[in-house]
Amino acid sequence: MRLARLNITFVILALLFINSKSFAGPMVKLCIDDDCRKPLSLEISDTCWSNIKDTFSSPFPSDKDEQDNIVSAIGLIESDIYNTLASKTPEADKAEDLYDDNSNKNNYRNIKNYIGVLLDNYLINRHFMRKTITIQNWTGFEKNALLLQSLTDSRIYILQSDSSKLGASPIISAYKQTSGINTNPIPVNNSKNESSKDIE
């Protein structure tokens, strides 16, 4: 009888452990320095990860639903990760300062890493990442963007960061080939560390 109780207790504890692990946030690499040779590995908080999983919980999403989920999740991860970084960086005033000091190129490296985590955890099922592109506006100013492609109808979308503030959701819109868009991948350093992060 006592052995049966011990077995039941063990099974209950094992189930609780497995359940808590399923909500544990994964690690994500954050590029802070210019060449990103030594990205920081930071864990997405359990609360943030649980909210992200809830965001993707719709059983039969459309492509548009998944795109909305992607941009919401990126905003959540970005805010969570930078707040974690600020808590580990005594000299930083606040997370917003760390974000503002980071480069546009690193913002896109980081977004690619966030999307990679979502893909690795099977939360994104209807799209895949293609490559980083540069967009040039009428003033000649260039900025980065990411291309996503739908697995259901092969349509291509462009994801642009809203770098106005920390945690602002990016924008996904239909991709249109125009003279202001360079569809060649952004050149990357040929070192092992750099090329592994910017595979197109």
C-alpha atoms as a PDB file:
ATOM      1  CA  MET A   1       0.000   0.000   0.000  1.00  0.00           C
ATOM      2  CA  ARG A   2       2.783   2.371   0.973  1.00  0.00           C
ATOM      3  CA  LEU A   3       4.665   1.517  -2.235  1.00  0.00           C
ATOM      4  CA  ALA A   4       1.571   2.328  -4.306  1.00  0.00           C
ATOM      5  CA  ARG A   5       1.278   5.729  -2.588  1.00  0.00           C
ATOM      6  CA  LEU A   6       4.943   6.455  -3.277  1.00  0.00           C
ATOM      7  CA  ASN A   7       4.457   5.518  -6.938  1.00  0.00           C
ATOM      8  CA  ILE A   8       1.413   7.789  -7.252  1.00  0.00           C
ATOM      9  CA  THR A   9       3.296  10.632  -5.561  1.00  0.00           C
ATOM     10  CA  PHE A  10       6.237  10.122  -7.928  1.00  0.00           C
ATOM     11  CA  VAL A  11       3.941  10.156 -10.974  1.00  0.00           C
ATOM     12  CA  ILE A  12       2.211  13.362  -9.788  1.00  0.00           C
ATOM     13  CA  LEU A  13       5.558  15.091  -9.163  1.00  0.00           C
ATOM     14  CA  ALA A  14       6.853  13.959 -12.564  1.00  0.00           C
ATOM     15  CA  LEU A  15       3.735  15.333 -14.296  1.00  0.00           C
ATOM     16  CA  LEU A  16       4.051  18.645 -12.458  1.00  0.00           C
ATOM     17  CA  PHE A  17       7.716  18.873 -13.472  1.00  0.00           C
ATOM     18  CA  ILE A  18       6.915  18.104 -17.125  1.00  0.00           C
ATOM     19  CA  ASN A  19       4.045  20.601 -17.097  1.00  0.00           C
ATOM     20  CA  SER A  20       6.219  23.361 -15.607  1.00  0.00           C
ATOM     21  CA  LYS A  21       8.933  22.647 -18.208  1.00  0.00           C
ATOM     22  CA  SER A  22       6.404  23.038 -21.032  1.00  0.00           C
ATOM     23  CA  PHE A  23       5.821  26.650 -19.925  1.00  0.00           C
ATOM     24  CA  ALA A  24       9.502  27.442 -19.346  1.00  0.00           C
ATOM     25  CA  GLY A  25      10.784  30.081 -21.713  1.00  0.00           C
ATOM     26  CA  PRO A  26      13.464  29.115 -24.235  1.00  0.00           C
ATOM     27  CA  MET A  27      16.829  30.817 -24.645  1.00  0.00           C
ATOM     28  CA  VAL A  28      17.269  33.466 -27.327  1.00  0.00           C
ATOM     29  CA  LYS A  29      20.469  35.046 -28.621  1.00  0.00           C
ATOM     30  CA  LEU A  30      20.595  38.848 -28.505  1.00  0.00           C
ATOM     31  CA  CYS A  31      23.034  40.837 -30.650  1.00  0.00           C
ATOM     32  CA  ILE A  32      24.310  43.945 -28.883  1.00  0.00           C
ATOM     33  CA  ASP A  33      27.813  44.559 -30.262  1.00  0.00           C
ATOM     34  CA  ASP A  34      28.379  45.691 -33.856  1.00  0.00           C
ATOM     35  CA  ASP A  35      29.724  42.445 -35.327  1.00  0.00           C
ATOM     36  CA  CYS A  36      27.623  40.192 -33.050  1.00  0.00           C
ATOM     37  CA  ARG A  37      30.537  37.794 -32.566  1.00  0.00           C
ATOM     38  CA  LYS A  38      29.451  37.123 -28.972  1.00  0.00           C
ATOM     39  CA  PRO A  39      25.654  37.340 -28.763  1.00  0.00           C
ATOM     40  CA  LEU A  40      24.156  37.200 -25.303  1.00  0.00           C
ATOM     41  CA  SER A  41      22.053  34.152 -24.435  1.00  0.00           C
ATOM     42  CA  LEU A  42      19.006  35.247 -22.462  1.00  0.00           C
ATOM     43  CA  GLU A  43      15.980  33.256 -21.362  1.00  0.00           C
ATOM     44  CA  ILE A  44      12.500  34.395 -22.259  1.00  0.00           C
ATOM     45  CA  SER A  45      10.615  34.671 -18.971  1.00  0.00           C
ATOM     46  CA  ASP A  46       8.070  31.976 -18.199  1.00  0.00           C
ATOM     47  CA  THR A  47       5.256  34.546 -18.051  1.00  0.00           C
ATOM     48  CA  CYS A  48       6.179  36.015 -21.429  1.00  0.00           C
ATOM     49  CA  TRP A  49       6.502  32.564 -23.004  1.00  0.00           C
ATOM     50  CA  SER A  50       3.123  31.513 -21.627  1.00  0.00           C
ATOM     51  CA  ASN A  51       1.556  34.672 -23.127  1.00  0.00           C
ATOM     52  CA  ILE A  52       3.200  33.943 -26.483  1.00  0.00           C
ATOM     53  CA  LYS A  53       1.893  30.372 -26.496  1.00  0.00           C
ATOM     54  CA  ASP A  54      -1.576  31.715 -25.703  1.00  0.00           C
ATOM     55  CA  THR A  55      -1.241  34.126 -28.631  1.00  0.00           C
ATOM     56  CA  PHE A  56      -0.657  31.196 -30.990  1.00  0.00           C
ATOM     57  CA  SER A  57      -3.339  28.974 -29.441  1.00  0.00           C
ATOM     58  CA  SER A  58      -5.977  29.428 -32.171  1.00  0.00           C
ATOM     59  CA  PRO A  59      -6.440  25.933 -33.676  1.00  0.00           C
ATOM     60  CA  PHE A  60      -7.066  26.895 -37.320  1.00  0.00           C
ATOM     61  CA  PRO A  61      -5.446  30.273 -37.993  1.00  0.00           C
ATOM     62  CA  SER A  62      -5.324  31.921 -41.393  1.00  0.00           C
ATOM     63  CA  ASP A  63      -2.089  33.370 -42.797  1.00  0.00           C
ATOM     64  CA  LYS A  64      -3.213  36.807 -41.592  1.00  0.00           C
ATOM     65  CA  ASP A  65      -3.909  35.452 -38.096  1.00  0.00           C
ATOM     66  CA  GLU A  66      -0.431  33.946 -37.937  1.00  0.00           C
ATOM     67  CA  GLN A  67       1.152  37.190 -39.170  1.00  0.00           C
ATOM     68  CA  ASP A  68      -0.681  39.083 -36.421  1.00  0.00           C
ATOM     69  CA  ASN A  69       0.572  36.505 -33.911  1.00  0.00           C
ATOM     70  CA  ILE A  70       4.155  36.827 -35.204  1.00  0.00           C
ATOM     71  CA  VAL A  71       4.288  40.607 -34.775  1.00  0.00           C
ATOM     72  CA  SER A  72       2.649  40.426 -31.333  1.00  0.00           C
ATOM     73  CA  ALA A  73       5.110  37.734 -30.220  1.00  0.00           C
ATOM     74  CA  ILE A  74       8.118  39.710 -31.477  1.00  0.00           C
ATOM     75  CA  GLY A  75       6.968  42.749 -29.493  1.00  0.00           C
ATOM     76  CA  LEU A  76       6.543  40.621 -26.356  1.00  0.00           C
ATOM     77  CA  ILE A  77       9.910  38.874 -26.715  1.00  0.00           C
ATOM     78  CA  GLU A  78      11.779  42.077 -27.464  1.00  0.00           C
ATOM     79  CA  SER A  79      10.393  43.890 -24.426  1.00  0.00           C
ATOM     80  CA  ASP A  80      10.967  40.878 -22.160  1.00  0.00           C
ATOM     81  CA  ILE A  81      14.539  40.229 -23.308  1.00  0.00           C
ATOM     82  CA  TYR A  82      15.663  43.856 -23.027  1.00  0.00           C
ATOM     83  CA  ASN A  83      14.140  44.124 -19.543  1.00  0.00           C
ATOM     84  CA  THR A  84      16.029  40.970 -18.557  1.00  0.00           C
ATOM     85  CA  LEU A  85      19.211  42.472 -20.003  1.00  0.00           C
ATOM     86  CA  ALA A  86      18.661  45.739 -18.091  1.00  0.00           C
ATOM     87  CA  SER A  87      18.259  43.799 -14.845  1.00  0.00           C
ATOM     88  CA  LYS A  88      21.641  42.136 -15.498  1.00  0.00           C
ATOM     89  CA  THR A  89      23.366  45.390 -16.523  1.00  0.00           C
ATOM     90  CA  PRO A  90      23.844  47.590 -13.430  1.00  0.00           C
ATOM     91  CA  GLU A  91      25.172  50.553 -15.418  1.00  0.00           C
ATOM     92  CA  ALA A  92      22.089  50.680 -17.672  1.00  0.00           C
ATOM     93  CA  ASP A  93      19.378  53.139 -16.674  1.00  0.00           C
ATOM     94  CA  LYS A  94      16.555  51.221 -18.291  1.00  0.00           C
ATOM     95  CA  ALA A  95      15.722  48.690 -21.003  1.00  0.00           C
ATOM     96  CA  GLU A  96      14.630  51.425 -23.431  1.00  0.00           C
ATOM     97  CA  ASP A  97      18.124  52.959 -23.357  1.00  0.00           C
ATOM     98  CA  LEU A  98      19.731  49.627 -24.232  1.00  0.00           C
ATOM     99  CA  TYR A  99      17.302  49.197 -27.120  1.00  0.00           C
ATOM    100  CA  ASP A 100      17.797  52.750 -28.405  1.00  0.00           C
ATOM    101  CA  ASP A 101      21.589  52.297 -28.343  1.00  0.00           C
ATOM    102  CA  ASN A 102      21.447  49.155 -30.479  1.00  0.00           C
ATOM    103  CA  SER A 103      21.881  49.322 -34.267  1.00  0.00           C
ATOM    104  CA  ASN A 104      19.235  48.823 -36.927  1.00  0.00           C
ATOM    105  CA  LYS A 105      21.219  45.864 -38.290  1.00  0.00           C
ATOM    106  CA  ASN A 106      21.230  44.234 -34.859  1.00  0.00           C
ATOM    107  CA  ASN A 107      17.489  44.826 -34.506  1.00  0.00           C
ATOM    108  CA  TYR A 108      16.953  42.671 -37.591  1.00  0.00           C
ATOM    109  CA  ARG A 109      19.446  40.062 -36.468  1.00  0.00           C
ATOM    110  CA  ASN A 110      17.505  39.866 -33.214  1.00  0.00           C
ATOM    111  CA  ILE A 111      14.115  39.686 -34.941  1.00  0.00           C
ATOM    112  CA  LYS A 112      15.456  36.776 -37.014  1.00  0.00           C
ATOM    113  CA  ASN A 113      16.511  35.095 -33.757  1.00  0.00           C
ATOM    114  CA  TYR A 114      13.060  35.673 -32.228  1.00  0.00           C
ATOM    115  CA  ILE A 115      11.361  34.195 -35.294  1.00  0.00           C
ATOM    116  CA  GLY A 116      13.818  31.287 -35.151  1.00  0.00           C
ATOM    117  CA  VAL A 117      12.699  30.525 -31.585  1.00  0.00           C
ATOM    118  CA  LEU A 118       9.046  30.610 -32.673  1.00  0.00           C
ATOM    119  CA  LEU A 119       9.803  28.288 -35.591  1.00  0.00           C
ATOM    120  CA  ASP A 120      11.871  25.917 -33.421  1.00  0.00           C
ATOM    121  CA  ASN A 121       8.950  25.623 -31.008  1.00  0.00           C
ATOM    122  CA  TYR A 122       6.439  24.962 -33.822  1.00  0.00           C
ATOM    123  CA  LEU A 123       4.411  28.078 -33.115  1.00  0.00           C
ATOM    124  CA  ILE A 124       4.828  29.373 -36.670  1.00  0.00           C
ATOM    125  CA  ASN A 125       3.446  26.792 -39.102  1.00  0.00           C
ATOM    126  CA  ARG A 126       2.241  28.767 -42.121  1.00  0.00           C
ATOM    127  CA  HIS A 127       5.307  30.873 -43.009  1.00  0.00           C
ATOM    128  CA  PHE A 128       9.047  30.618 -43.337  1.00  0.00           C
ATOM    129  CA  MET A 129      11.817  33.210 -43.358  1.00  0.00           C
ATOM    130  CA  ARG A 130      13.520  33.933 -46.648  1.00  0.00           C
ATOM    131  CA  LYS A 131      16.180  36.619 -46.415  1.00  0.00           C
ATOM    132  CA  THR A 132      17.105  40.085 -45.240  1.00  0.00           C
ATOM    133  CA  ILE A 133      16.695  42.813 -47.825  1.00  0.00           C
ATOM    134  CA  THR A 134      17.379  46.533 -47.963  1.00  0.00           C
ATOM    135  CA  ILE A 135      14.720  49.105 -48.757  1.00  0.00           C
ATOM    136  CA  GLN A 136      15.573  52.541 -50.076  1.00  0.00           C
ATOM    137  CA  ASN A 137      13.049  55.342 -49.787  1.00  0.00           C
ATOM    138  CA  TRP A 138      12.810  58.455 -51.967  1.00  0.00           C
ATOM    139  CA  THR A 139      15.401  60.285 -49.842  1.00  0.00           C
ATOM    140  CA  GLY A 140      17.963  57.550 -50.475  1.00  0.00           C
ATOM    141  CA  PHE A 141      17.870  56.369 -46.859  1.00  0.00           C
ATOM    142  CA  GLU A 142      18.281  52.582 -46.607  1.00  0.00           C
ATOM    143  CA  LYS A 143      16.884  50.295 -43.965  1.00  0.00           C
ATOM    144  CA  ASN A 144      16.664  46.567 -43.445  1.00  0.00           C
ATOM    145  CA  ALA A 145      13.615  44.335 -43.742  1.00  0.00           C
ATOM    146  CA  LEU A 146      12.875  40.601 -43.698  1.00  0.00           C
ATOM    147  CA  LEU A 147      10.990  38.563 -46.253  1.00  0.00           C
ATOM    148  CA  LEU A 148       8.485  35.948 -45.117  1.00  0.00           C
ATOM    149  CA  GLN A 149       6.771  33.513 -47.449  1.00  0.00           C
ATOM    150  CA  SER A 150       3.463  31.749 -46.959  1.00  0.00           C
ATOM    151  CA  LEU A 151       3.559  27.960 -47.139  1.00  0.00           C
ATOM    152  CA  THR A 152      -0.085  27.837 -48.204  1.00  0.00           C
ATOM    153  CA  ASP A 153      -0.073  30.080 -51.284  1.00  0.00           C
ATOM    154  CA  SER A 154       3.616  31.108 -51.709  1.00  0.00           C
ATOM    155  CA  ARG A 155       2.808  34.796 -51.296  1.00  0.00           C
ATOM    156  CA  ILE A 156       5.723  36.888 -50.071  1.00  0.00           C
ATOM    157  CA  TYR A 157       5.464  39.426 -47.264  1.00  0.00           C
ATOM    158  CA  ILE A 158       7.842  42.040 -45.973  1.00  0.00           C
ATOM    159  CA  LEU A 159       8.410  42.455 -42.251  1.00  0.00           C
ATOM    160  CA  GLN A 160       9.694  45.861 -41.142  1.00  0.00           C
ATOM    161  CA  SER A 161      10.696  46.745 -37.617  1.00  0.00           C
ATOM    162  CA  ASP A 162       8.904  49.577 -35.855  1.00  0.00           C
ATOM    163  CA  SER A 163      11.963  50.862 -34.032  1.00  0.00           C
ATOM    164  CA  SER A 164      10.124  53.845 -32.559  1.00  0.00           C
ATOM    165  CA  LYS A 165      10.082  52.277 -29.092  1.00  0.00           C
ATOM    166  CA  LEU A 166      10.965  49.101 -27.263  1.00  0.00           C
ATOM    167  CA  GLY A 167       8.341  46.383 -27.682  1.00  0.00           C
ATOM    168  CA  ALA A 168       6.603  48.029 -30.631  1.00  0.00           C
ATOM    169  CA  SER A 169       5.223  45.323 -32.914  1.00  0.00           C
ATOM    170  CA  PRO A 170       6.789  45.150 -36.381  1.00  0.00           C
ATOM    171  CA  ILE A 171       4.675  45.621 -39.500  1.00  0.00           C
ATOM    172  CA  ILE A 172       3.991  42.894 -42.066  1.00  0.00           C
ATOM    173  CA  SER A 173       2.737  43.934 -45.494  1.00  0.00           C
ATOM    174  CA  ALA A 174       2.452  42.387 -48.941  1.00  0.00           C
ATOM    175  CA  TYR A 175       5.738  42.363 -50.852  1.00  0.00           C
ATOM    176  CA  LYS A 176       5.815  44.312 -54.089  1.00  0.00           C
ATOM    177  CA  GLN A 177       8.874  44.385 -56.319  1.00  0.00           C
ATOM    178  CA  THR A 178       9.864  48.036 -56.766  1.00  0.00           C
ATOM    179  CA  SER A 179      12.989  49.876 -57.748  1.00  0.00           C
ATOM    180  CA  GLY A 180      13.491  50.936 -54.127  1.00  0.00           C
ATOM    181  CA  ILE A 181      13.933  47.394 -52.882  1.00  0.00           C
ATOM    182  CA  ASN A 182      17.205  45.518 -53.147  1.00  0.00           C
ATOM    183  CA  THR A 183      16.367  41.826 -53.030  1.00  0.00           C
ATOM    184  CA  ASN A 184      19.987  40.747 -52.631  1.00  0.00           C
ATOM    185  CA  PRO A 185      20.885  39.575 -49.149  1.00  0.00           C
ATOM    186  CA  ILE A 186      22.731  42.103 -47.043  1.00  0.00           C
ATOM    187  CA  PRO A 187      26.466  41.274 -47.167  1.00  0.00           C
ATOM    188  CA  VAL A 188      27.666  39.418 -44.114  1.00  0.00           C
ATOM    189  CA  ASN A 189      31.041  38.760 -42.608  1.00  0.00           C
ATOM    190  CA  ASN A 190      32.432  35.395 -43.724  1.00  0.00           C
ATOM    191  CA  SER A 191      33.480  34.389 -40.215  1.00  0.00           C
ATOM    192  CA  LYS A 192      31.880  31.261 -38.817  1.00  0.00           C
ATOM    193  CA  ASN A 193      29.950  33.075 -36.099  1.00  0.00           C
ATOM    194  CA  GLU A 194      28.561  35.766 -38.387  1.00  0.00           C
ATOM    195  CA  SER A 195      27.568  33.532 -41.261  1.00  0.00           C
ATOM    196  CA  SER A 196      25.707  31.144 -39.001  1.00  0.00           C
ATOM    197  CA  LYS A 197      23.508  33.988 -37.763  1.00  0.00           C
ATOM    198  CA  ASP A 198      22.728  35.515 -41.113  1.00  0.00           C
ATOM    199  CA  ILE A 199      21.984  32.461 -43.221  1.00  0.00           C
ATOM    200  CA  GLU A 200      19.533  33.464 -45.908  1.00  0.00           C
END
